[in-house]
Protein backbone atom coordinates (compact mmCIF):
# COMPACT_ATOMS: atom_id res chain seq x y z
CA MET A 1 -12.16 12.81 -15.26
CA ALA A 2 -9.98 13.26 -12.18
CA LEU A 3 -8.18 9.97 -12.79
CA SER A 4 -7.69 10.84 -16.45
CA LYS A 5 -6.15 14.21 -15.58
CA ILE A 6 -3.82 12.71 -12.97
CA TRP A 7 -2.74 9.93 -15.32
CA SER A 8 -2.05 12.44 -18.11
CA ALA A 9 -0.16 14.71 -15.71
CA PHE A 10 2.09 11.84 -14.60
CA ILE A 11 3.08 11.09 -18.19
CA ILE A 12 3.51 14.72 -19.30
CA VAL A 13 5.55 15.73 -16.24
CA ALA A 14 7.75 12.63 -16.53
CA ILE A 15 8.55 13.12 -20.21
CA VAL A 16 9.14 16.87 -19.88
CA ALA A 17 11.41 16.36 -16.85
CA ALA A 18 13.34 13.63 -18.68
CA GLY A 19 13.72 15.91 -21.71
CA PHE A 20 15.26 18.70 -19.62
CA THR A 21 17.53 16.19 -17.89
CA CYS A 22 18.72 14.79 -21.21
CA LEU A 23 19.42 18.26 -22.63
CA PHE A 24 21.15 19.83 -19.65
CA SER A 25 22.83 16.93 -17.79
CA ASN A 26 25.92 15.27 -19.21
CA ASN A 27 25.51 12.25 -16.92
CA ASN A 28 21.96 11.41 -18.00
CA LYS A 29 22.05 11.17 -21.78
CA ASP A 30 20.66 7.64 -21.52
CA ILE A 31 17.58 8.65 -19.51
CA PHE A 32 15.14 7.87 -22.35
CA SER A 33 16.56 4.36 -22.64
CA ARG A 34 16.23 3.88 -18.88
CA MET A 35 12.61 5.03 -18.99
CA VAL A 36 11.66 2.68 -21.81
CA VAL A 37 13.80 -0.48 -21.60
CA GLY A 38 15.58 -0.12 -18.24
CA LYS A 39 15.06 -2.47 -15.32
CA THR A 40 15.34 -2.17 -11.55
CA GLY A 41 18.96 -2.59 -10.48
CA ASP A 42 20.49 -1.56 -13.82
CA THR A 43 23.77 0.32 -13.39
CA THR A 44 23.90 3.84 -14.78
CA HIS A 45 26.76 6.34 -15.37
CA ALA A 46 29.49 4.50 -13.47
CA LYS A 47 32.78 6.39 -12.97
CA PHE A 48 36.04 6.17 -11.06
CA ILE A 49 36.28 8.46 -8.05
CA ASP A 50 39.30 9.68 -6.10
CA SER A 51 39.55 8.57 -2.46
CA ILE A 52 39.51 12.17 -1.21
CA ALA A 53 36.14 12.71 -2.93
CA LEU A 54 34.50 9.82 -1.09
CA PRO A 55 31.85 10.70 1.50
CA LEU A 56 33.09 9.97 5.04
CA ALA A 57 30.62 7.11 5.59
CA ALA A 58 31.54 5.57 2.22
CA ALA A 59 35.27 5.83 2.95
CA LYS A 60 34.79 4.14 6.31
CA ALA A 61 32.79 1.26 4.79
CA LEU A 62 35.16 0.78 1.86
CA SER A 63 38.18 0.71 4.16
CA SER A 64 36.58 -2.41 5.67
CA ASN A 65 36.11 -3.87 2.16
CA LYS A 66 32.35 -3.30 2.30
CA ASP A 67 30.32 -1.65 -0.43
CA TYR A 68 28.45 1.50 0.58
CA LYS A 69 25.07 2.65 -0.69
CA ASP A 70 23.45 6.06 -0.26
CA GLY A 71 19.99 6.07 -1.82
CA ASP A 72 20.45 4.87 -5.40
CA THR A 73 24.18 5.74 -5.42
CA LYS A 74 26.62 2.90 -4.71
CA TYR A 75 30.34 3.02 -3.94
CA VAL A 76 32.53 -0.05 -4.50
CA LYS A 77 36.22 -0.88 -4.18
CA THR A 78 37.90 -2.80 -6.98
CA THR A 79 40.53 -5.50 -6.53
CA ASP A 80 43.26 -3.03 -7.52
CA ASN A 81 42.20 -0.56 -4.79
CA LYS A 82 40.34 1.85 -7.05
CA PHE A 83 36.96 3.32 -6.20
CA ILE A 84 33.91 3.32 -8.47
CA THR A 85 30.62 5.09 -7.94
CA TYR A 86 27.47 4.35 -9.90
CA LYS A 87 23.72 4.62 -9.63
CA GLU A 88 21.23 1.79 -9.65
CA GLN A 89 17.90 2.24 -11.39
CA SER A 90 15.22 2.16 -8.69
CA ALA A 91 12.22 1.28 -10.90
CA ASP A 92 11.46 -0.73 -14.02
CA GLY A 93 11.12 1.03 -17.36
CA ILE A 94 7.96 0.96 -19.47
CA ILE A 95 8.52 -2.42 -21.13
CA ALA A 96 9.39 -4.25 -17.91
CA THR A 97 6.51 -2.55 -16.10
CA CYS A 98 4.00 -3.81 -18.69
CA THR A 99 5.26 -7.33 -18.09
CA SER A 100 5.07 -6.86 -14.31
CA ALA A 101 1.49 -5.57 -14.51
CA VAL A 102 0.38 -8.62 -16.48
CA ASN A 103 2.27 -10.92 -14.10
CA ILE A 104 0.47 -9.30 -11.15
CA CYS A 105 -2.90 -9.99 -12.77
CA ILE A 106 -1.92 -13.56 -13.66
CA GLY A 107 -0.80 -14.04 -10.07
CA LEU A 108 -4.21 -12.80 -8.93
CA ILE A 109 -6.11 -15.37 -11.00
CA GLY A 110 -5.63 -18.25 -8.57
CA ILE A 111 -6.32 -16.13 -5.47
CA MET A 112 -9.37 -14.50 -7.07
CA ALA A 113 -10.74 -17.85 -8.20
CA LEU A 114 -10.25 -19.40 -4.76
CA PHE A 115 -11.86 -16.70 -2.64
CA MET A 116 -14.64 -15.84 -5.07
CA GLY A 117 -15.43 -19.54 -5.28
CA PHE A 118 -15.86 -19.72 -1.51
CA MET A 119 -17.87 -16.49 -1.53
CA SER A 120 -20.22 -18.04 -4.09
CA ILE A 121 -20.87 -20.91 -1.66
CA ALA A 122 -21.45 -18.45 1.18
CA GLU A 123 -23.89 -16.41 -0.91
CA GLN A 124 -25.94 -19.42 -1.96
CA ALA A 125 -25.98 -20.71 1.62
CA GLY A 126 -27.10 -17.34 2.99
CA GLY A 127 -23.86 -16.67 4.88
CA ILE A 128 -23.19 -13.28 3.28
CA ARG A 129 -26.69 -12.05 4.12
CA PHE A 130 -26.25 -13.29 7.70
CA LEU A 131 -22.99 -11.33 8.00
CA SER A 132 -24.70 -8.31 6.42
CA ARG A 133 -27.42 -8.36 9.11
CA ILE A 134 -24.74 -8.34 11.84
CA ILE A 135 -22.84 -5.35 10.45
CA GLN A 136 -25.90 -3.56 9.02
CA PRO A 137 -26.65 -1.30 12.06
CA PHE A 138 -23.20 0.32 11.72
CA PHE A 139 -22.69 0.20 7.96
CA SER A 140 -26.19 1.49 7.21
CA LYS A 141 -25.14 4.81 8.78
CA LEU A 142 -21.96 5.10 6.71
CA PHE A 143 -23.59 3.68 3.57
CA PRO A 144 -27.15 5.10 3.67
CA GLU A 145 -27.72 4.40 -0.04
CA VAL A 146 -27.21 0.63 0.35
CA PRO A 147 -30.48 -1.28 1.02
CA LYS A 148 -30.94 -3.06 4.33
CA ASP A 149 -29.29 -6.52 4.52
CA HIS A 150 -27.69 -6.07 1.08
CA PRO A 151 -24.88 -8.61 0.39
CA ALA A 152 -22.44 -5.72 -0.15
CA PHE A 153 -22.33 -5.24 3.64
CA GLY A 154 -21.03 -8.78 4.07
CA HIS A 155 -18.47 -8.44 1.27
CA MET A 156 -17.16 -5.18 2.73
CA MET A 157 -16.94 -6.73 6.18
CA LEU A 158 -14.84 -9.60 4.81
CA ASN A 159 -12.57 -7.12 3.02
CA PHE A 160 -12.02 -4.98 6.11
CA SER A 161 -11.41 -8.09 8.22
CA ALA A 162 -8.77 -9.38 5.77
CA ASN A 163 -7.08 -5.96 5.82
CA LEU A 164 -7.05 -5.92 9.61
CA LEU A 165 -5.28 -9.27 9.63
CA GLY A 166 -2.77 -8.20 6.98
CA LEU A 167 -4.10 -10.74 4.44
CA ASP A 168 -3.59 -8.76 1.23
CA ASN A 169 -4.27 -11.80 -0.97
CA ALA A 170 -7.69 -12.28 0.61
CA ALA A 171 -8.55 -8.57 0.89
CA THR A 172 -8.33 -7.96 -2.87
CA PRO A 173 -10.94 -10.53 -4.03
CA PHE A 174 -13.24 -9.64 -1.11
CA GLY A 175 -12.89 -5.95 -2.00
CA ILE A 176 -13.52 -6.48 -5.70
CA LYS A 177 -16.60 -8.52 -4.86
CA ALA A 178 -17.80 -5.66 -2.63
CA MET A 179 -17.30 -3.17 -5.49
CA GLN A 180 -19.24 -5.45 -7.83
CA SER A 181 -22.09 -5.73 -5.31
CA LEU A 182 -22.20 -1.95 -4.91
CA GLN A 183 -22.11 -1.55 -8.69
CA GLU A 184 -25.34 -3.54 -8.96
CA ILE A 185 -27.19 -0.74 -7.14
CA ASN A 186 -25.21 2.09 -8.75
CA PRO A 187 -27.62 4.10 -10.96
CA ASP A 188 -24.78 5.45 -13.12
CA LYS A 189 -22.51 2.53 -14.06
CA SER A 190 -19.63 4.74 -15.25
CA ARG A 191 -19.65 7.06 -12.22
CA ALA A 192 -18.53 6.09 -8.72
CA SER A 193 -21.40 6.02 -6.24
CA ASN A 194 -21.21 7.51 -2.74
CA ALA A 195 -21.08 4.02 -1.26
CA GLN A 196 -18.23 2.94 -3.54
CA ILE A 197 -16.22 6.04 -2.64
CA MET A 198 -16.74 5.53 1.10
CA PHE A 199 -15.77 1.86 0.87
CA LEU A 200 -12.68 2.47 -1.25
CA CYS A 201 -11.42 5.35 0.91
CA LEU A 202 -11.78 3.25 4.06
CA HIS A 203 -10.06 0.33 2.33
CA ALA A 204 -7.20 2.48 1.00
CA SER A 205 -6.47 3.81 4.49
CA GLY A 206 -5.06 0.33 5.13
CA LEU A 207 -6.06 -0.29 8.76
CA THR A 208 -3.95 -3.29 9.85
CA LEU A 209 -3.66 -4.83 13.32
CA ILE A 210 -0.19 -6.34 13.08
CA PRO A 211 2.30 -5.20 10.38
CA VAL A 212 3.83 -8.68 10.00
CA SER A 213 5.71 -8.04 6.75
CA ILE A 214 7.33 -4.87 8.12
CA ILE A 215 8.43 -6.63 11.30
CA ALA A 216 9.89 -9.43 9.17
CA LEU A 217 11.82 -6.97 6.99
CA ARG A 218 13.20 -5.22 10.06
CA ALA A 219 14.27 -8.57 11.52
CA LYS A 220 16.13 -9.41 8.28
CA GLN A 221 17.98 -6.10 8.57
CA ASN A 222 19.08 -7.03 12.11
CA ALA A 223 17.01 -4.46 13.98
CA LEU A 224 17.61 -4.67 17.74
CA ASN A 225 13.86 -4.78 18.36
CA PRO A 226 11.96 -5.46 15.09
CA THR A 227 8.57 -5.00 16.77
CA ASP A 228 9.25 -1.54 18.23
CA ILE A 229 7.36 0.11 15.35
CA PHE A 230 4.17 -1.86 16.10
CA ILE A 231 2.42 0.77 18.26
CA PRO A 232 3.31 3.78 16.02
CA CYS A 233 2.14 1.82 12.95
CA MET A 234 -1.12 0.91 14.66
CA ILE A 235 -1.82 4.48 15.76
CA ALA A 236 -0.87 6.02 12.39
CA THR A 237 -3.02 3.67 10.30
CA PHE A 238 -5.95 4.05 12.71
CA VAL A 239 -5.72 7.86 12.46
CA ALA A 240 -5.58 7.63 8.65
CA THR A 241 -8.69 5.41 8.62
CA ILE A 242 -10.66 7.71 10.91
CA MET A 243 -9.61 10.69 8.79
CA ALA A 244 -10.74 8.92 5.60
CA MET A 245 -14.13 8.29 7.22
CA LEU A 246 -14.42 11.92 8.36
CA ILE A 247 -13.42 13.35 4.97
CA VAL A 248 -15.92 11.28 3.00
CA SER A 249 -18.63 11.70 5.63
CA TYR A 250 -18.23 15.48 5.42
CA LYS A 251 -18.43 15.36 1.62
CA GLN A 252 -21.51 13.12 1.70
CA LYS A 253 -23.13 15.00 4.60
CA ILE A 254 -23.14 11.96 6.91
CA ASN A 255 -23.43 12.68 10.63
CA VAL A 256 -20.57 10.74 12.24
CA PHE A 257 -21.75 11.63 15.74
CA GLN A 258 -24.65 9.21 15.61
CA PRO A 259 -24.62 6.88 18.66
CA VAL A 260 -24.24 3.72 16.55
CA ILE A 261 -21.16 5.05 14.72
CA LEU A 262 -19.59 6.33 17.92
CA LEU A 263 -20.16 3.00 19.71
CA TRP A 264 -18.61 0.99 16.88
CA VAL A 265 -15.60 3.32 16.60
CA LEU A 266 -15.07 3.23 20.36
CA GLY A 267 -15.47 -0.56 20.35
CA ILE A 268 -12.88 -0.99 17.60
CA SER A 269 -10.57 1.46 19.38
CA SER A 270 -10.88 -0.55 22.59
CA LEU A 271 -10.07 -3.82 20.80
CA ILE A 272 -7.02 -2.22 19.20
CA ALA A 273 -5.88 -0.87 22.58
CA LEU A 274 -6.22 -4.33 24.15
CA LEU A 275 -4.30 -5.90 21.28
CA VAL A 276 -1.54 -3.30 21.67
CA LEU A 277 -1.26 -4.08 25.38
CA TYR A 278 -1.07 -7.81 24.68
CA VAL A 279 1.42 -7.66 21.80
CA THR A 280 3.76 -5.28 23.61
CA HIS A 281 4.38 -8.02 26.18
CA LEU A 282 5.47 -10.51 23.49
CA ASN A 283 8.92 -10.96 22.02
CA LYS A 284 9.54 -10.99 18.26
CA ASP A 285 9.13 -14.75 17.85
CA ALA A 286 5.93 -14.76 19.90
CA VAL A 287 4.52 -11.92 17.75
CA ASP A 288 5.24 -13.94 14.61
CA VAL A 289 3.50 -17.02 16.03
CA PHE A 290 0.53 -15.04 17.32
CA SER A 291 -0.02 -13.06 14.11
CA GLY A 292 0.40 -16.10 11.88
CA THR A 293 -1.96 -18.22 13.98
CA LEU A 294 -4.56 -15.45 14.23
CA SER A 295 -4.65 -14.40 10.58
CA ASN A 296 -4.28 -17.77 8.86
CA GLY A 297 -6.41 -19.53 11.47
CA ILE A 298 -9.30 -17.13 10.82
CA ILE A 299 -9.10 -17.73 7.06
CA LEU A 300 -9.28 -21.50 7.60
CA LEU A 301 -12.16 -21.01 10.03
CA ILE A 302 -14.04 -18.98 7.41
CA PHE A 303 -13.53 -21.75 4.84
CA LEU A 304 -14.75 -24.35 7.35
CA LEU A 305 -17.88 -22.39 8.27
CA ILE A 306 -18.71 -21.71 4.61
CA VAL A 307 -18.48 -25.39 3.64
CA ILE A 308 -20.46 -26.53 6.71
CA GLY A 309 -23.08 -23.86 6.00
CA GLY A 310 -23.35 -24.97 2.38
CA LEU A 311 -23.80 -28.61 3.39
CA TYR A 312 -26.39 -27.62 6.00
CA LYS A 313 -28.36 -25.69 3.37
CA LYS A 314 -28.03 -28.73 1.06
CA ILE A 315 -26.52 -26.85 -1.87
CA SER A 316 -23.99 -28.32 -4.30
CA VAL A 317 -20.93 -26.73 -2.71
CA TYR A 318 -18.47 -27.77 -5.42
CA ASP A 319 -20.66 -26.50 -8.26
CA ALA A 320 -21.20 -23.24 -6.37
CA PHE A 321 -17.44 -22.94 -5.89
CA ILE A 322 -16.77 -23.44 -9.62
CA ASP A 323 -19.37 -20.82 -10.58
CA GLY A 324 -17.73 -18.25 -8.32
CA ALA A 325 -14.20 -19.21 -9.37
CA LYS A 326 -15.05 -18.53 -13.02
CA GLY A 327 -15.99 -14.99 -12.05
CA GLY A 328 -12.67 -14.58 -10.26
CA PHE A 329 -10.77 -15.59 -13.39
CA GLU A 330 -12.72 -13.15 -15.56
CA THR A 331 -12.21 -10.29 -13.11
CA ALA A 332 -8.44 -10.83 -12.89
CA ILE A 333 -8.20 -10.66 -16.69
CA ARG A 334 -10.49 -7.61 -16.93
CA ILE A 335 -8.27 -5.40 -14.76
CA ILE A 336 -5.12 -5.91 -16.90
CA PRO A 337 -5.59 -2.76 -19.08
CA TYR A 338 -6.31 -0.58 -16.05
CA LEU A 339 -3.28 -1.85 -14.14
CA VAL A 340 -0.94 -1.58 -17.14
CA GLY A 341 -2.00 2.01 -17.74
CA MET A 342 -1.57 3.10 -14.12
CA LEU A 343 1.72 1.28 -13.44
CA VAL A 344 3.32 2.57 -16.66
CA ALA A 345 2.49 6.17 -15.72
CA ILE A 346 3.94 5.62 -12.25
CA SER A 347 7.05 3.98 -13.71
CA MET A 348 7.68 6.96 -15.99
CA LEU A 349 7.31 9.33 -13.06
CA ARG A 350 9.87 7.39 -11.01
CA THR A 351 12.47 6.73 -13.74
CA SER A 352 12.37 10.33 -15.00
CA GLY A 353 13.95 11.64 -11.80
CA VAL A 354 10.91 13.66 -10.71
CA PHE A 355 11.00 12.06 -7.26
CA ASP A 356 14.63 13.09 -6.74
CA ILE A 357 13.78 16.68 -7.64
CA ILE A 358 10.86 16.75 -5.19
CA LEU A 359 12.87 15.21 -2.35
CA ASN A 360 15.87 17.50 -2.81
CA GLY A 361 13.56 20.50 -2.92
CA MET A 362 11.76 19.43 0.26
CA GLN A 363 15.02 18.83 2.12
CA GLN A 364 16.35 22.25 1.20
CA LEU A 365 13.02 23.91 2.07
CA PHE A 366 12.76 22.37 5.55
CA ALA A 367 16.45 23.02 6.24
CA ALA A 368 15.98 26.67 5.27
CA MET A 369 13.01 26.88 7.63
CA GLY A 370 15.16 25.57 10.48
CA PHE A 371 13.34 22.24 10.93
CA ASP A 372 14.95 18.97 11.97
CA THR A 373 15.43 17.33 8.57
CA ARG A 374 15.99 13.76 9.76
CA PHE A 375 12.50 12.83 8.60
CA VAL A 376 13.30 13.78 4.98
CA LYS A 377 15.48 10.67 4.61
CA GLY A 378 12.40 8.52 5.20
CA LEU A 379 10.10 10.50 2.89
CA PRO A 380 10.85 8.49 -0.31
CA THR A 381 8.90 5.58 1.20
CA ALA A 382 5.94 7.85 1.99
CA LEU A 383 5.90 9.34 -1.51
CA ILE A 384 6.15 5.99 -3.27
CA LYS A 385 3.62 4.13 -1.06
CA PRO A 386 0.51 5.60 -2.76
CA LEU A 387 1.98 4.59 -6.11
CA SER A 388 3.50 1.16 -5.54
CA GLY A 389 3.43 -1.31 -2.66
CA SER A 390 6.47 -3.24 -3.89
CA GLY A 391 8.27 0.04 -4.55
CA ALA A 392 7.57 1.18 -0.98
CA ARG A 393 8.87 -2.10 0.46
CA GLY A 394 11.96 -1.81 -1.71
CA MET A 395 12.48 1.76 -0.54
CA LEU A 396 12.05 0.64 3.08
CA VAL A 397 14.74 -2.01 2.69
CA ASP A 398 17.01 0.46 0.90
CA THR A 399 16.53 3.05 3.68
CA MET A 400 17.36 0.49 6.36
CA LYS A 401 20.43 -0.70 4.46
CA THR A 402 21.64 2.87 3.94
CA TYR A 403 20.98 4.38 7.36
CA GLY A 404 20.43 1.29 9.54
CA ALA A 405 17.30 -0.52 10.69
CA ASP A 406 17.46 1.27 14.05
CA SER A 407 18.12 4.72 12.60
CA PHE A 408 15.46 7.42 12.74
CA ALA A 409 15.02 7.20 8.95
CA GLY A 410 14.75 3.40 9.10
CA LYS A 411 12.09 3.45 11.81
CA LEU A 412 10.13 6.29 10.19
CA SER A 413 10.22 4.51 6.84
CA SER A 414 8.83 1.41 8.56
CA ILE A 415 5.92 3.42 9.98
CA PHE A 416 5.24 4.98 6.56
CA THR A 417 5.06 1.52 4.99
CA GLY A 418 2.41 0.38 7.45
CA THR A 419 0.31 3.55 7.45
CA SER A 420 -1.83 3.27 4.29
CA ASP A 421 -2.49 1.20 1.20
CA THR A 422 -1.28 1.83 -2.37
CA THR A 423 -3.85 4.43 -3.40
CA PHE A 424 -3.34 4.45 -7.17
CA TYR A 425 -3.03 0.66 -7.38
CA VAL A 426 -6.30 0.36 -5.45
CA ILE A 427 -7.99 2.85 -7.78
CA ALA A 428 -6.79 1.04 -10.90
CA VAL A 429 -7.77 -2.44 -9.69
CA TYR A 430 -11.04 -1.76 -7.89
CA PHE A 431 -12.55 0.84 -10.21
CA GLY A 432 -11.19 -1.10 -13.18
CA ALA A 433 -12.96 -4.26 -12.02
CA VAL A 434 -16.34 -2.51 -12.38
CA SER A 435 -15.38 -0.22 -15.31
CA ILE A 436 -15.83 3.03 -13.37
CA LYS A 437 -14.45 5.97 -15.35
CA ASN A 438 -15.59 8.95 -13.25
CA THR A 439 -13.97 8.53 -9.82
CA ARG A 440 -15.32 11.90 -8.60
CA TYR A 441 -13.54 13.11 -5.43
CA SER A 442 -12.28 9.69 -4.31
CA ILE A 443 -8.63 10.29 -5.28
CA ALA A 444 -8.48 13.63 -3.47
CA ALA A 445 -10.05 12.10 -0.35
CA MET A 446 -7.61 9.15 -0.35
CA LEU A 447 -4.56 11.35 -0.86
CA LEU A 448 -5.69 13.73 1.88
CA ALA A 449 -6.07 10.78 4.26
CA ASP A 450 -2.60 9.61 3.15
CA LEU A 451 -1.19 13.06 3.94
CA VAL A 452 -2.70 12.95 7.44
CA GLY A 453 -1.17 9.49 7.88
CA ILE A 454 2.25 10.80 6.79
CA ILE A 455 2.12 13.76 9.18
CA THR A 456 0.94 11.50 12.00
CA SER A 457 3.77 9.05 11.27
CA ILE A 458 6.38 11.79 11.46
CA LEU A 459 5.01 13.09 14.77
CA LEU A 460 4.90 9.55 16.20
CA ALA A 461 8.47 8.87 15.06
CA TYR A 462 9.70 11.94 16.95
CA LEU A 463 7.58 10.94 19.95
CA PHE A 464 8.77 7.31 20.13
CA PHE A 465 12.24 7.46 18.53
CA ALA A 466 13.50 11.00 19.15
CA ASN A 467 16.91 9.72 20.29
CA ALA A 468 17.52 7.65 17.16
CA VAL A 469 20.01 9.14 14.71
């Protein structure tokens, strides 16, 4: 019911806000068209502007024959020395979003088939159960309802490992397989179990060792030191993950102070600390080589061990692969309705202007309270991240282009991007894959962990980059 109420609220708020905008704003009479048939990058309400009305930063850029962009507003200079300002649509409308949702699922088919095929080999060879026995002492404390040595432990371990290495393509099929394994022991097939909620909240916290894609985006925007956000990102995402564990553990009455849990958490913390110390001594190119070798090398190693294990157990590895791959294809198709529904609601919320209203209100509120409002310029990334991963990356690039990759807003936006996963996308895909309708308190727990991650990111940005402007 929680997901249904949130989904309905997104749509109602978006349409009502768009209706008021259409009625009372002369510059937004086409808002309904933008919401339905508009596309990202479409130009809206362009107009000529006098040079004296140009913002100082825009005038300076245009005097050098460079376009200037502030958020979704762009200023350009024509060949006859006139100035035009216009807005660019920041999100696809409903029709384009439906197409994008289906394209995402189609793009998942190959990845899902590949990894689920290899997991089928591992299951038949006993590899998943072997991995489950290794992780069982720790996971059995966090997932007390899951039977000892259940394959779900192995699937969850593979998912968390892929997340740690920043392998989104591998994490999704591993995670869906984990949800399916947990669904097998779920007494109420339409209601999320405690184990499913714990797993999904930990997954959505997005613990990642090296934010490779963020470093790459910063390098493309000519940041002086693209890797300088590595430590803040690592700390913020680790805090968000621990908070997700604490929130769900409190709700499920799990004692997190058990020796086994404390030892595993301290062990993981120590490994992260050692990695931080090592990576901080590397330059940008060395970080790229190290992260690429580590993440992709481990995936190839997993494939090698699975095939060798299958041959050792004398199973038909190719037939086992095909059986698993068929399941991957079916799962990718099954999640289409769930993803279309969620992404359309998110699209309407973004194209209706609700985000602009929230951001302007927050900036005015914090300014009135006397706070340093530099962090508000990076908030769009934090607000969009739970809704859309691609939207958050686009907002990160836009923030860096507008304020500079080495600006406070640019660095904070980078930390936001690496702090957590896309909560509502995760809910739609993972719960949709097992047809869960009652998500219970999972959404509230994920969003609360996201909020802690956002606050932590802001504090870390002021701690590490206080002198940035």
